[in-house]
Amino acid sequence: MRLTNMAEITGTLIMLHMRYLHDVSKEFKMLDIVGFIDPAMTGEKGCGSATSRPRSIKDRLISASPNQIFLLPYNA
């Protein structure tokens, strides 16, 4: 409802949507093509220091398969 009404969304809603996308990607055997980055590690509020957030993203990208696409939500 919040998405369809263009209302502000929470981190929990972002996580639920990412979980759905993960399940669909798994069903279609696309997990080697599509990767996900935990929004709890990248958001501006309550997610570590300004240096730990980019380091978390870098570490995840280093572990990626070649040509893998990542969904990286950012909840400011």
Protein backbone atom coordinates (compact mmCIF):
# COMPACT_ATOMS: atom_id res chain seq x y z
CA MET A 1 0.00 0.00 0.00
CA ARG A 2 2.80 2.42 0.86
CA LEU A 3 4.44 1.91 -2.52
CA THR A 4 1.23 2.34 -4.49
CA ASN A 5 0.35 5.49 -2.54
CA MET A 6 3.86 6.91 -2.98
CA ALA A 7 4.20 7.16 0.81
CA GLU A 8 7.52 7.03 2.65
CA ILE A 9 8.73 3.46 3.02
CA THR A 10 10.64 1.85 5.86
CA GLY A 11 13.77 -0.28 5.90
CA THR A 12 11.61 -3.28 6.71
CA LEU A 13 9.57 -2.79 3.56
CA ILE A 14 12.76 -2.51 1.52
CA MET A 15 14.01 -5.78 3.03
CA LEU A 16 10.71 -7.54 2.29
CA HIS A 17 10.78 -6.38 -1.31
CA MET A 18 14.40 -7.49 -1.68
CA ARG A 19 13.48 -10.90 -0.24
CA TYR A 20 10.73 -11.23 -2.83
CA LEU A 21 13.15 -10.28 -5.63
CA HIS A 22 15.67 -12.80 -4.27
CA ASP A 23 13.06 -15.57 -4.30
CA VAL A 24 12.02 -14.75 -7.87
CA SER A 25 15.67 -14.62 -8.97
CA LYS A 26 16.27 -17.99 -7.34
CA GLU A 27 13.19 -19.50 -8.98
CA PHE A 28 14.42 -18.44 -12.42
CA LYS A 29 18.03 -19.46 -11.62
CA MET A 30 19.31 -15.91 -11.94
CA LEU A 31 21.28 -15.59 -8.69
CA ASP A 32 24.57 -15.69 -10.60
CA ILE A 33 23.33 -12.68 -12.62
CA VAL A 34 21.58 -10.60 -9.95
CA GLY A 35 23.13 -9.88 -6.57
CA PHE A 36 21.83 -8.07 -3.53
CA ILE A 37 23.52 -5.81 -1.02
CA ASP A 38 22.13 -5.59 2.50
CA PRO A 39 20.50 -2.17 2.98
CA ALA A 40 21.33 -2.34 6.68
CA MET A 41 25.00 -2.01 5.68
CA THR A 42 24.55 0.92 3.28
CA GLY A 43 21.92 3.29 4.69
CA GLU A 44 22.89 6.67 6.01
CA LYS A 45 21.26 6.39 9.43
CA GLY A 46 22.44 3.84 11.98
CA CYS A 47 24.62 1.87 9.57
CA GLY A 48 28.12 2.45 10.79
CA SER A 49 30.60 5.18 9.97
CA ALA A 50 31.03 7.02 6.70
CA THR A 51 34.04 4.79 5.94
CA SER A 52 32.50 1.45 6.93
CA ARG A 53 29.53 1.80 4.55
CA PRO A 54 31.60 2.09 1.34
CA ARG A 55 33.95 -0.62 2.62
CA SER A 56 30.97 -2.96 3.03
CA ILE A 57 29.89 -2.29 -0.55
CA LYS A 58 33.42 -2.79 -1.84
CA ASP A 59 33.74 -6.13 -0.06
CA ARG A 60 30.46 -7.35 -1.55
CA LEU A 61 31.42 -6.26 -5.07
CA ILE A 62 34.80 -7.99 -4.81
CA SER A 63 33.04 -11.29 -4.08
CA ALA A 64 30.78 -10.90 -7.14
CA SER A 65 30.69 -13.10 -10.20
CA PRO A 66 31.88 -11.50 -13.44
CA ASN A 67 29.15 -9.38 -15.08
CA GLN A 68 26.88 -9.68 -12.03
CA ILE A 69 24.36 -6.86 -11.52
CA PHE A 70 23.68 -5.64 -7.98
CA LEU A 71 20.60 -4.10 -6.44
CA LEU A 72 21.76 -1.64 -3.83
CA PRO A 73 18.96 0.11 -1.97
CA TYR A 74 19.79 3.32 -0.19
CA ASN A 75 17.45 4.51 2.53
CA ALA A 76 18.56 7.94 3.72
